[in-house]
């Protein structure tokens, strides 16, 4: 599909991960408006939107005793984490609709199956049909059934994107967080502002991996290392895909990136 862009709004961006179940409503509304303006300026633009679970799903998973190796401790815990993730999705969808973006949620938990942490099955036809009609499919980090005998697990937005991208073949992927891109090392008191990495590819990934830190706040899906690794695997699955990790805190940047594909910002993740 031509002019198809996958966008992820990171959990650290749309929630305060230091506060339980706390959405950053103004940020969500601003980003929804940027998407609406970009769609109005370029009617050919097709968007598949995803978001992290932030202080909703991640906190619920930690509180319920979720273990990445053992899964959820009970069916009730599985359902409670799913409900928390869905609650944030409801807020995001409401902001999109208020901004005039025709978004429709397609929860991964409805059809996704995982094996060794990867999505191995998920309904694809609804996504293709919605995109063809100019509707914005909306996914998010969600609970999902696991085939490894460890019960229900959590499917990150990146894992969902990787599965969808192999079939839908997007041209671009934009991952928005609270920093300007991927930093060469985790910030410390002695070095609070490490340098930005402009590119990550197979040739420098192992060196980059050693310096990366975790995610800001509670994150049960592996933090920055896991997110970059999943994104790198994604661009290797779709070699023509260009992925960028950028700041969602910079007002207007998302809109600009949607309308100017050649704009250089943040960290480019590529297969070269």
C-alpha atoms as a PDB file:
ATOM      1  CA  UNK A   1       0.000   0.000   0.000  1.00  0.00           C
ATOM      2  CA  UNK A   2       1.444   3.360  -1.070  1.00  0.00           C
ATOM      3  CA  UNK A   3       2.182   6.134   1.440  1.00  0.00           C
ATOM      4  CA  UNK A   4       1.550   3.910   4.462  1.00  0.00           C
ATOM      5  CA  UNK A   5       3.117   5.039   7.735  1.00  0.00           C
ATOM      6  CA  UNK A   6       3.141   3.139  11.011  1.00  0.00           C
ATOM      7  CA  UNK A   7       3.259   5.421  14.062  1.00  0.00           C
ATOM      8  CA  UNK A   8       3.843   4.452  17.672  1.00  0.00           C
ATOM      9  CA  UNK A   9       3.141   6.837  20.530  1.00  0.00           C
ATOM     10  CA  UNK A  10       5.358   5.576  23.335  1.00  0.00           C
ATOM     11  CA  UNK A  11       3.959   4.825  26.758  1.00  0.00           C
ATOM     12  CA  UNK A  12       6.421   7.247  28.359  1.00  0.00           C
ATOM     13  CA  UNK A  13       5.114   9.967  26.053  1.00  0.00           C
ATOM     14  CA  UNK A  14       1.364   9.585  26.545  1.00  0.00           C
ATOM     15  CA  UNK A  15       1.439   8.655  30.244  1.00  0.00           C
ATOM     16  CA  UNK A  16       3.474   9.580  33.286  1.00  0.00           C
ATOM     17  CA  UNK A  17       5.147   6.268  34.061  1.00  0.00           C
ATOM     18  CA  UNK A  18       6.002   7.519  37.545  1.00  0.00           C
ATOM     19  CA  UNK A  19       2.303   7.806  38.414  1.00  0.00           C
ATOM     20  CA  UNK A  20      -0.153   4.937  38.423  1.00  0.00           C
ATOM     21  CA  UNK A  21      -2.769   5.159  35.638  1.00  0.00           C
ATOM     22  CA  UNK A  22      -1.908   8.751  34.751  1.00  0.00           C
ATOM     23  CA  UNK A  23      -2.465   9.818  31.128  1.00  0.00           C
ATOM     24  CA  UNK A  24      -0.882  12.966  29.692  1.00  0.00           C
ATOM     25  CA  UNK A  25      -4.136  14.212  28.191  1.00  0.00           C
ATOM     26  CA  UNK A  26      -2.788  17.430  26.658  1.00  0.00           C
ATOM     27  CA  UNK A  27       0.026  15.570  24.906  1.00  0.00           C
ATOM     28  CA  UNK A  28      -2.392  12.984  23.517  1.00  0.00           C
ATOM     29  CA  UNK A  29      -4.709  15.713  22.267  1.00  0.00           C
ATOM     30  CA  UNK A  30      -1.858  17.628  20.619  1.00  0.00           C
ATOM     31  CA  UNK A  31      -0.566  14.562  18.809  1.00  0.00           C
ATOM     32  CA  UNK A  32      -4.086  13.711  17.650  1.00  0.00           C
ATOM     33  CA  UNK A  33      -4.405  17.193  16.167  1.00  0.00           C
ATOM     34  CA  UNK A  34      -1.046  16.843  14.397  1.00  0.00           C
ATOM     35  CA  UNK A  35      -2.216  13.599  12.804  1.00  0.00           C
ATOM     36  CA  UNK A  36      -5.491  15.241  11.787  1.00  0.00           C
ATOM     37  CA  UNK A  37      -3.710  18.180  10.145  1.00  0.00           C
ATOM     38  CA  UNK A  38      -1.312  15.910   8.267  1.00  0.00           C
ATOM     39  CA  UNK A  39      -4.177  13.795   6.925  1.00  0.00           C
ATOM     40  CA  UNK A  40      -6.010  16.921   5.806  1.00  0.00           C
ATOM     41  CA  UNK A  41      -2.900  18.248   4.045  1.00  0.00           C
ATOM     42  CA  UNK A  42      -2.190  14.929   2.294  1.00  0.00           C
ATOM     43  CA  UNK A  43      -5.335  12.867   1.620  1.00  0.00           C
ATOM     44  CA  UNK A  44      -3.210  10.035   0.180  1.00  0.00           C
ATOM     45  CA  UNK A  45      -1.612   9.452   3.587  1.00  0.00           C
ATOM     46  CA  UNK A  46      -2.486   6.126   5.208  1.00  0.00           C
ATOM     47  CA  UNK A  47      -1.696   5.678   8.900  1.00  0.00           C
ATOM     48  CA  UNK A  48      -1.663   2.665  11.183  1.00  0.00           C
ATOM     49  CA  UNK A  49      -1.352   3.968  14.721  1.00  0.00           C
ATOM     50  CA  UNK A  50      -0.167   2.155  17.810  1.00  0.00           C
ATOM     51  CA  UNK A  51       0.652   3.171  21.357  1.00  0.00           C
ATOM     52  CA  UNK A  52       2.360   1.779  24.411  1.00  0.00           C
ATOM     53  CA  UNK A  53       0.580   0.951  27.659  1.00  0.00           C
ATOM     54  CA  UNK A  54       2.670   3.214  29.879  1.00  0.00           C
ATOM     55  CA  UNK A  55       1.543   3.586  33.470  1.00  0.00           C
ATOM     56  CA  UNK A  56      -1.641   1.633  32.701  1.00  0.00           C
ATOM     57  CA  UNK A  57      -0.739  -1.800  31.316  1.00  0.00           C
ATOM     58  CA  UNK A  58       2.833  -1.951  32.624  1.00  0.00           C
ATOM     59  CA  UNK A  59       1.839  -0.982  36.157  1.00  0.00           C
ATOM     60  CA  UNK A  60      -1.106  -3.399  36.143  1.00  0.00           C
ATOM     61  CA  UNK A  61       1.183  -6.194  34.934  1.00  0.00           C
ATOM     62  CA  UNK A  62       3.736  -5.539  37.661  1.00  0.00           C
ATOM     63  CA  UNK A  63       1.085  -5.291  40.375  1.00  0.00           C
ATOM     64  CA  UNK A  64      -0.601  -8.522  39.236  1.00  0.00           C
ATOM     65  CA  UNK A  65       2.621 -10.527  39.394  1.00  0.00           C
ATOM     66  CA  UNK A  66       3.259 -10.886  35.664  1.00  0.00           C
ATOM     67  CA  UNK A  67       6.513 -12.672  34.835  1.00  0.00           C
ATOM     68  CA  UNK A  68       7.838 -12.614  31.242  1.00  0.00           C
ATOM     69  CA  UNK A  69       8.995 -16.233  31.650  1.00  0.00           C
ATOM     70  CA  UNK A  70       5.941 -17.592  33.454  1.00  0.00           C
ATOM     71  CA  UNK A  71       3.157 -15.397  32.114  1.00  0.00           C
ATOM     72  CA  UNK A  72       0.242 -14.106  34.156  1.00  0.00           C
ATOM     73  CA  UNK A  73      -0.359 -15.807  37.514  1.00  0.00           C
ATOM     74  CA  UNK A  74      -4.104 -16.259  36.931  1.00  0.00           C
ATOM     75  CA  UNK A  75      -6.873 -15.731  34.359  1.00  0.00           C
ATOM     76  CA  UNK A  76      -8.091 -12.785  36.444  1.00  0.00           C
ATOM     77  CA  UNK A  77      -4.652 -11.139  36.331  1.00  0.00           C
ATOM     78  CA  UNK A  78      -4.566 -11.634  32.551  1.00  0.00           C
ATOM     79  CA  UNK A  79      -7.954  -9.941  32.208  1.00  0.00           C
ATOM     80  CA  UNK A  80      -7.051  -7.109  34.600  1.00  0.00           C
ATOM     81  CA  UNK A  81      -3.924  -6.211  32.614  1.00  0.00           C
ATOM     82  CA  UNK A  82      -5.956  -6.305  29.419  1.00  0.00           C
ATOM     83  CA  UNK A  83      -8.529  -3.981  30.963  1.00  0.00           C
ATOM     84  CA  UNK A  84      -5.836  -1.492  32.013  1.00  0.00           C
ATOM     85  CA  UNK A  85      -4.324  -1.435  28.515  1.00  0.00           C
ATOM     86  CA  UNK A  86      -7.795  -1.020  27.025  1.00  0.00           C
ATOM     87  CA  UNK A  87      -8.569   1.908  29.343  1.00  0.00           C
ATOM     88  CA  UNK A  88      -5.633   3.897  27.969  1.00  0.00           C
ATOM     89  CA  UNK A  89      -6.592   2.943  24.432  1.00  0.00           C
ATOM     90  CA  UNK A  90     -10.063   4.356  25.058  1.00  0.00           C
ATOM     91  CA  UNK A  91      -8.531   7.723  26.007  1.00  0.00           C
ATOM     92  CA  UNK A  92      -6.311   7.785  22.913  1.00  0.00           C
ATOM     93  CA  UNK A  93      -9.170   6.829  20.605  1.00  0.00           C
ATOM     94  CA  UNK A  94     -11.424   9.503  22.121  1.00  0.00           C
ATOM     95  CA  UNK A  95      -8.781  12.184  21.499  1.00  0.00           C
ATOM     96  CA  UNK A  96      -8.361  11.064  17.893  1.00  0.00           C
ATOM     97  CA  UNK A  97     -12.092  11.158  17.237  1.00  0.00           C
ATOM     98  CA  UNK A  98     -12.358  14.579  18.871  1.00  0.00           C
ATOM     99  CA  UNK A  99      -9.616  15.803  16.507  1.00  0.00           C
ATOM    100  CA  UNK A 100     -11.486  14.422  13.508  1.00  0.00           C
ATOM    101  CA  UNK A 101      -9.327  11.333  12.927  1.00  0.00           C
ATOM    102  CA  UNK A 102     -11.451   8.272  12.003  1.00  0.00           C
ATOM    103  CA  UNK A 103      -9.692   5.813  14.311  1.00  0.00           C
ATOM    104  CA  UNK A 104     -10.957   2.323  15.075  1.00  0.00           C
ATOM    105  CA  UNK A 105      -9.379   0.120  17.740  1.00  0.00           C
ATOM    106  CA  UNK A 106      -8.316  -3.412  16.821  1.00  0.00           C
ATOM    107  CA  UNK A 107      -7.122  -4.942  20.119  1.00  0.00           C
ATOM    108  CA  UNK A 108      -4.316  -7.474  19.650  1.00  0.00           C
ATOM    109  CA  UNK A 109      -5.864  -9.623  22.397  1.00  0.00           C
ATOM    110  CA  UNK A 110      -8.799 -10.377  20.097  1.00  0.00           C
ATOM    111  CA  UNK A 111      -6.755 -12.441  17.634  1.00  0.00           C
ATOM    112  CA  UNK A 112      -3.010 -12.434  18.371  1.00  0.00           C
ATOM    113  CA  UNK A 113      -1.026 -15.504  19.418  1.00  0.00           C
ATOM    114  CA  UNK A 114       2.564 -15.405  20.628  1.00  0.00           C
ATOM    115  CA  UNK A 115       5.406 -17.888  20.460  1.00  0.00           C
ATOM    116  CA  UNK A 116       8.738 -17.161  22.138  1.00  0.00           C
ATOM    117  CA  UNK A 117       7.642 -13.551  22.509  1.00  0.00           C
ATOM    118  CA  UNK A 118       6.798 -13.039  18.833  1.00  0.00           C
ATOM    119  CA  UNK A 119       3.380 -12.593  17.264  1.00  0.00           C
ATOM    120  CA  UNK A 120       2.812 -15.647  15.060  1.00  0.00           C
ATOM    121  CA  UNK A 121      -0.835 -15.098  14.201  1.00  0.00           C
ATOM    122  CA  UNK A 122      -3.155 -12.105  14.043  1.00  0.00           C
ATOM    123  CA  UNK A 123      -6.154 -11.161  11.902  1.00  0.00           C
ATOM    124  CA  UNK A 124      -4.865  -9.093   8.962  1.00  0.00           C
ATOM    125  CA  UNK A 125      -7.915  -8.493   6.783  1.00  0.00           C
ATOM    126  CA  UNK A 126      -9.509  -5.851   9.068  1.00  0.00           C
ATOM    127  CA  UNK A 127      -6.341  -3.730   8.933  1.00  0.00           C
ATOM    128  CA  UNK A 128      -6.074  -3.811   5.142  1.00  0.00           C
ATOM    129  CA  UNK A 129      -9.780  -3.092   4.700  1.00  0.00           C
ATOM    130  CA  UNK A 130      -9.793  -0.150   7.107  1.00  0.00           C
ATOM    131  CA  UNK A 131      -6.698   1.383   5.519  1.00  0.00           C
ATOM    132  CA  UNK A 132      -8.223   1.113   2.048  1.00  0.00           C
ATOM    133  CA  UNK A 133     -11.260   3.031   3.310  1.00  0.00           C
ATOM    134  CA  UNK A 134      -9.160   5.808   4.836  1.00  0.00           C
ATOM    135  CA  UNK A 135      -9.750   4.698   8.420  1.00  0.00           C
ATOM    136  CA  UNK A 136      -6.882   4.680  10.947  1.00  0.00           C
ATOM    137  CA  UNK A 137      -6.491   1.259  12.615  1.00  0.00           C
ATOM    138  CA  UNK A 138      -5.437   1.664  16.242  1.00  0.00           C
ATOM    139  CA  UNK A 139      -3.458  -1.008  18.108  1.00  0.00           C
ATOM    140  CA  UNK A 140      -1.602  -1.015  21.399  1.00  0.00           C
ATOM    141  CA  UNK A 141       0.549  -3.061  23.730  1.00  0.00           C
ATOM    142  CA  UNK A 142      -1.886  -5.697  24.945  1.00  0.00           C
ATOM    143  CA  UNK A 143      -2.243  -9.123  26.501  1.00  0.00           C
ATOM    144  CA  UNK A 144      -2.218 -12.088  24.128  1.00  0.00           C
ATOM    145  CA  UNK A 145      -2.366 -15.858  24.289  1.00  0.00           C
ATOM    146  CA  UNK A 146       0.972 -17.668  24.240  1.00  0.00           C
ATOM    147  CA  UNK A 147       1.764 -20.969  22.540  1.00  0.00           C
ATOM    148  CA  UNK A 148       4.735 -21.884  24.747  1.00  0.00           C
ATOM    149  CA  UNK A 149       2.698 -23.258  27.606  1.00  0.00           C
ATOM    150  CA  UNK A 150       3.306 -20.247  29.856  1.00  0.00           C
ATOM    151  CA  UNK A 151      -0.200 -18.865  29.706  1.00  0.00           C
ATOM    152  CA  UNK A 152      -1.145 -15.407  28.561  1.00  0.00           C
ATOM    153  CA  UNK A 153       1.666 -13.007  27.775  1.00  0.00           C
ATOM    154  CA  UNK A 154       2.113  -9.391  26.666  1.00  0.00           C
ATOM    155  CA  UNK A 155       2.481  -8.381  23.030  1.00  0.00           C
ATOM    156  CA  UNK A 156       4.428  -5.143  22.719  1.00  0.00           C
ATOM    157  CA  UNK A 157       3.383  -2.622  20.091  1.00  0.00           C
ATOM    158  CA  UNK A 158       6.696  -3.244  18.294  1.00  0.00           C
ATOM    159  CA  UNK A 159       5.983  -6.992  18.137  1.00  0.00           C
ATOM    160  CA  UNK A 160       2.517  -6.296  16.729  1.00  0.00           C
ATOM    161  CA  UNK A 161       3.982  -3.862  14.192  1.00  0.00           C
ATOM    162  CA  UNK A 162       6.557  -6.427  13.099  1.00  0.00           C
ATOM    163  CA  UNK A 163       3.849  -8.949  12.283  1.00  0.00           C
ATOM    164  CA  UNK A 164       1.625  -6.416  10.514  1.00  0.00           C
ATOM    165  CA  UNK A 165       4.494  -4.876   8.549  1.00  0.00           C
ATOM    166  CA  UNK A 166       5.406  -8.176   6.909  1.00  0.00           C
ATOM    167  CA  UNK A 167       1.971  -8.219   5.271  1.00  0.00           C
ATOM    168  CA  UNK A 168       1.070  -4.531   4.890  1.00  0.00           C
ATOM    169  CA  UNK A 169       4.564  -3.326   3.822  1.00  0.00           C
ATOM    170  CA  UNK A 170       4.642   0.240   5.184  1.00  0.00           C
ATOM    171  CA  UNK A 171       7.146   2.702   3.765  1.00  0.00           C
ATOM    172  CA  UNK A 172       7.915   4.386   7.079  1.00  0.00           C
ATOM    173  CA  UNK A 173       7.778   3.792  10.822  1.00  0.00           C
ATOM    174  CA  UNK A 174       7.810   6.651  13.332  1.00  0.00           C
ATOM    175  CA  UNK A 175       8.394   5.830  17.006  1.00  0.00           C
ATOM    176  CA  UNK A 176       7.719   8.773  19.309  1.00  0.00           C
ATOM    177  CA  UNK A 177       9.035   8.988  22.858  1.00  0.00           C
ATOM    178  CA  UNK A 178      10.139  11.570  25.408  1.00  0.00           C
ATOM    179  CA  UNK A 179      13.735  11.914  24.181  1.00  0.00           C
ATOM    180  CA  UNK A 180      14.971  13.157  20.817  1.00  0.00           C
ATOM    181  CA  UNK A 181      16.070   9.688  19.720  1.00  0.00           C
ATOM    182  CA  UNK A 182      18.333   6.898  20.930  1.00  0.00           C
ATOM    183  CA  UNK A 183      21.143   8.129  23.176  1.00  0.00           C
ATOM    184  CA  UNK A 184      24.577   6.503  23.081  1.00  0.00           C
ATOM    185  CA  UNK A 185      24.306   5.623  26.756  1.00  0.00           C
ATOM    186  CA  UNK A 186      21.869   5.981  29.619  1.00  0.00           C
ATOM    187  CA  UNK A 187      21.956   9.443  31.269  1.00  0.00           C
ATOM    188  CA  UNK A 188      23.754   9.657  34.621  1.00  0.00           C
ATOM    189  CA  UNK A 189      24.391  12.411  37.154  1.00  0.00           C
ATOM    190  CA  UNK A 190      27.898  12.816  35.728  1.00  0.00           C
ATOM    191  CA  UNK A 191      26.682  12.728  32.119  1.00  0.00           C
ATOM    192  CA  UNK A 192      23.041  13.877  32.087  1.00  0.00           C
ATOM    193  CA  UNK A 193      22.983  14.569  28.333  1.00  0.00           C
ATOM    194  CA  UNK A 194      24.741  11.820  26.336  1.00  0.00           C
ATOM    195  CA  UNK A 195      25.065  12.250  22.578  1.00  0.00           C
ATOM    196  CA  UNK A 196      22.311  11.306  20.153  1.00  0.00           C
ATOM    197  CA  UNK A 197      22.888   8.325  17.872  1.00  0.00           C
ATOM    198  CA  UNK A 198      21.888   9.428  14.389  1.00  0.00           C
ATOM    199  CA  UNK A 199      21.803   5.914  12.891  1.00  0.00           C
ATOM    200  CA  UNK A 200      21.539   2.324  14.087  1.00  0.00           C
ATOM    201  CA  UNK A 201      22.006  -0.649  11.785  1.00  0.00           C
ATOM    202  CA  UNK A 202      23.344  -4.206  11.860  1.00  0.00           C
ATOM    203  CA  UNK A 203      26.935  -2.937  11.692  1.00  0.00           C
ATOM    204  CA  UNK A 204      26.832  -0.946  14.952  1.00  0.00           C
ATOM    205  CA  UNK A 205      24.007  -2.588  16.882  1.00  0.00           C
ATOM    206  CA  UNK A 206      26.100  -4.741  19.214  1.00  0.00           C
ATOM    207  CA  UNK A 207      28.191  -1.748  20.256  1.00  0.00           C
ATOM    208  CA  UNK A 208      25.084   0.390  20.707  1.00  0.00           C
ATOM    209  CA  UNK A 209      23.285  -2.300  22.708  1.00  0.00           C
ATOM    210  CA  UNK A 210      25.999  -2.323  25.375  1.00  0.00           C
ATOM    211  CA  UNK A 211      25.396   1.318  26.246  1.00  0.00           C
ATOM    212  CA  UNK A 212      21.617   1.497  26.143  1.00  0.00           C
ATOM    213  CA  UNK A 213      19.612   1.834  29.340  1.00  0.00           C
ATOM    214  CA  UNK A 214      16.096   0.870  30.242  1.00  0.00           C
ATOM    215  CA  UNK A 215      12.815   2.662  29.813  1.00  0.00           C
ATOM    216  CA  UNK A 216      11.679   5.602  31.936  1.00  0.00           C
ATOM    217  CA  UNK A 217       9.458   4.222  34.706  1.00  0.00           C
ATOM    218  CA  UNK A 218       7.816   0.799  34.953  1.00  0.00           C
ATOM    219  CA  UNK A 219       8.203  -1.299  31.780  1.00  0.00           C
ATOM    220  CA  UNK A 220       7.684  -5.068  31.658  1.00  0.00           C
ATOM    221  CA  UNK A 221       8.543  -5.451  27.954  1.00  0.00           C
ATOM    222  CA  UNK A 222      12.272  -4.815  28.132  1.00  0.00           C
ATOM    223  CA  UNK A 223      12.786  -1.065  27.832  1.00  0.00           C
ATOM    224  CA  UNK A 224      14.837   0.687  25.145  1.00  0.00           C
ATOM    225  CA  UNK A 225      17.083  -2.277  24.305  1.00  0.00           C
ATOM    226  CA  UNK A 226      14.095  -4.484  23.491  1.00  0.00           C
ATOM    227  CA  UNK A 227      12.374  -1.720  21.523  1.00  0.00           C
ATOM    228  CA  UNK A 228      15.398  -0.978  19.339  1.00  0.00           C
ATOM    229  CA  UNK A 229      16.078  -4.701  18.835  1.00  0.00           C
ATOM    230  CA  UNK A 230      12.473  -5.286  17.769  1.00  0.00           C
ATOM    231  CA  UNK A 231      12.584  -2.284  15.432  1.00  0.00           C
ATOM    232  CA  UNK A 232      15.847  -3.473  13.884  1.00  0.00           C
ATOM    233  CA  UNK A 233      14.293  -6.897  13.332  1.00  0.00           C
ATOM    234  CA  UNK A 234      11.315  -5.171  11.746  1.00  0.00           C
ATOM    235  CA  UNK A 235      13.381  -3.241   9.203  1.00  0.00           C
ATOM    236  CA  UNK A 236      15.204  -6.462   8.369  1.00  0.00           C
ATOM    237  CA  UNK A 237      11.822  -8.080   7.732  1.00  0.00           C
ATOM    238  CA  UNK A 238      10.848  -5.190   5.426  1.00  0.00           C
ATOM    239  CA  UNK A 239      14.208  -3.984   4.000  1.00  0.00           C
ATOM    240  CA  UNK A 240      12.685  -0.958   2.242  1.00  0.00           C
ATOM    241  CA  UNK A 241      11.241   0.359   5.508  1.00  0.00           C
ATOM    242  CA  UNK A 242      12.698   3.481   7.113  1.00  0.00           C
ATOM    243  CA  UNK A 243      12.237   3.727  10.877  1.00  0.00           C
ATOM    244  CA  UNK A 244      12.894   6.765  13.056  1.00  0.00           C
ATOM    245  CA  UNK A 245      12.857   7.143  16.817  1.00  0.00           C
ATOM    246  CA  UNK A 246      12.069  10.785  17.559  1.00  0.00           C
ATOM    247  CA  UNK A 247      10.744  13.080  20.270  1.00  0.00           C
ATOM    248  CA  UNK A 248       7.010  13.445  20.602  1.00  0.00           C
ATOM    249  CA  UNK A 249       7.546  16.330  23.005  1.00  0.00           C
ATOM    250  CA  UNK A 250       8.510  18.686  20.174  1.00  0.00           C
ATOM    251  CA  UNK A 251       5.261  20.288  19.052  1.00  0.00           C
ATOM    252  CA  UNK A 252       4.671  19.990  15.329  1.00  0.00           C
ATOM    253  CA  UNK A 253       7.404  17.433  14.641  1.00  0.00           C
ATOM    254  CA  UNK A 254       5.044  14.507  14.033  1.00  0.00           C
ATOM    255  CA  UNK A 255       3.002  16.535  11.554  1.00  0.00           C
ATOM    256  CA  UNK A 256       6.171  17.683   9.808  1.00  0.00           C
ATOM    257  CA  UNK A 257       7.569  14.154   9.545  1.00  0.00           C
ATOM    258  CA  UNK A 258       4.316  12.845   8.099  1.00  0.00           C
ATOM    259  CA  UNK A 259       4.339  15.486   5.372  1.00  0.00           C
ATOM    260  CA  UNK A 260       8.108  15.564   4.730  1.00  0.00           C
ATOM    261  CA  UNK A 261       9.425  11.983   4.410  1.00  0.00           C
ATOM    262  CA  UNK A 262      12.996  13.162   3.774  1.00  0.00           C
ATOM    263  CA  UNK A 263      13.191  15.211   6.980  1.00  0.00           C
ATOM    264  CA  UNK A 264      16.082  14.092   9.176  1.00  0.00           C
ATOM    265  CA  UNK A 265      15.252  13.908  12.866  1.00  0.00           C
ATOM    266  CA  UNK A 266      16.029  11.647  15.785  1.00  0.00           C
ATOM    267  CA  UNK A 267      17.618   8.240  15.181  1.00  0.00           C
ATOM    268  CA  UNK A 268      17.286   6.408  11.874  1.00  0.00           C
ATOM    269  CA  UNK A 269      17.113   2.610  12.171  1.00  0.00           C
ATOM    270  CA  UNK A 270      17.937   0.873   8.911  1.00  0.00           C
ATOM    271  CA  UNK A 271      18.960  -2.420   7.367  1.00  0.00           C
ATOM    272  CA  UNK A 272      22.034  -1.087   5.549  1.00  0.00           C
END
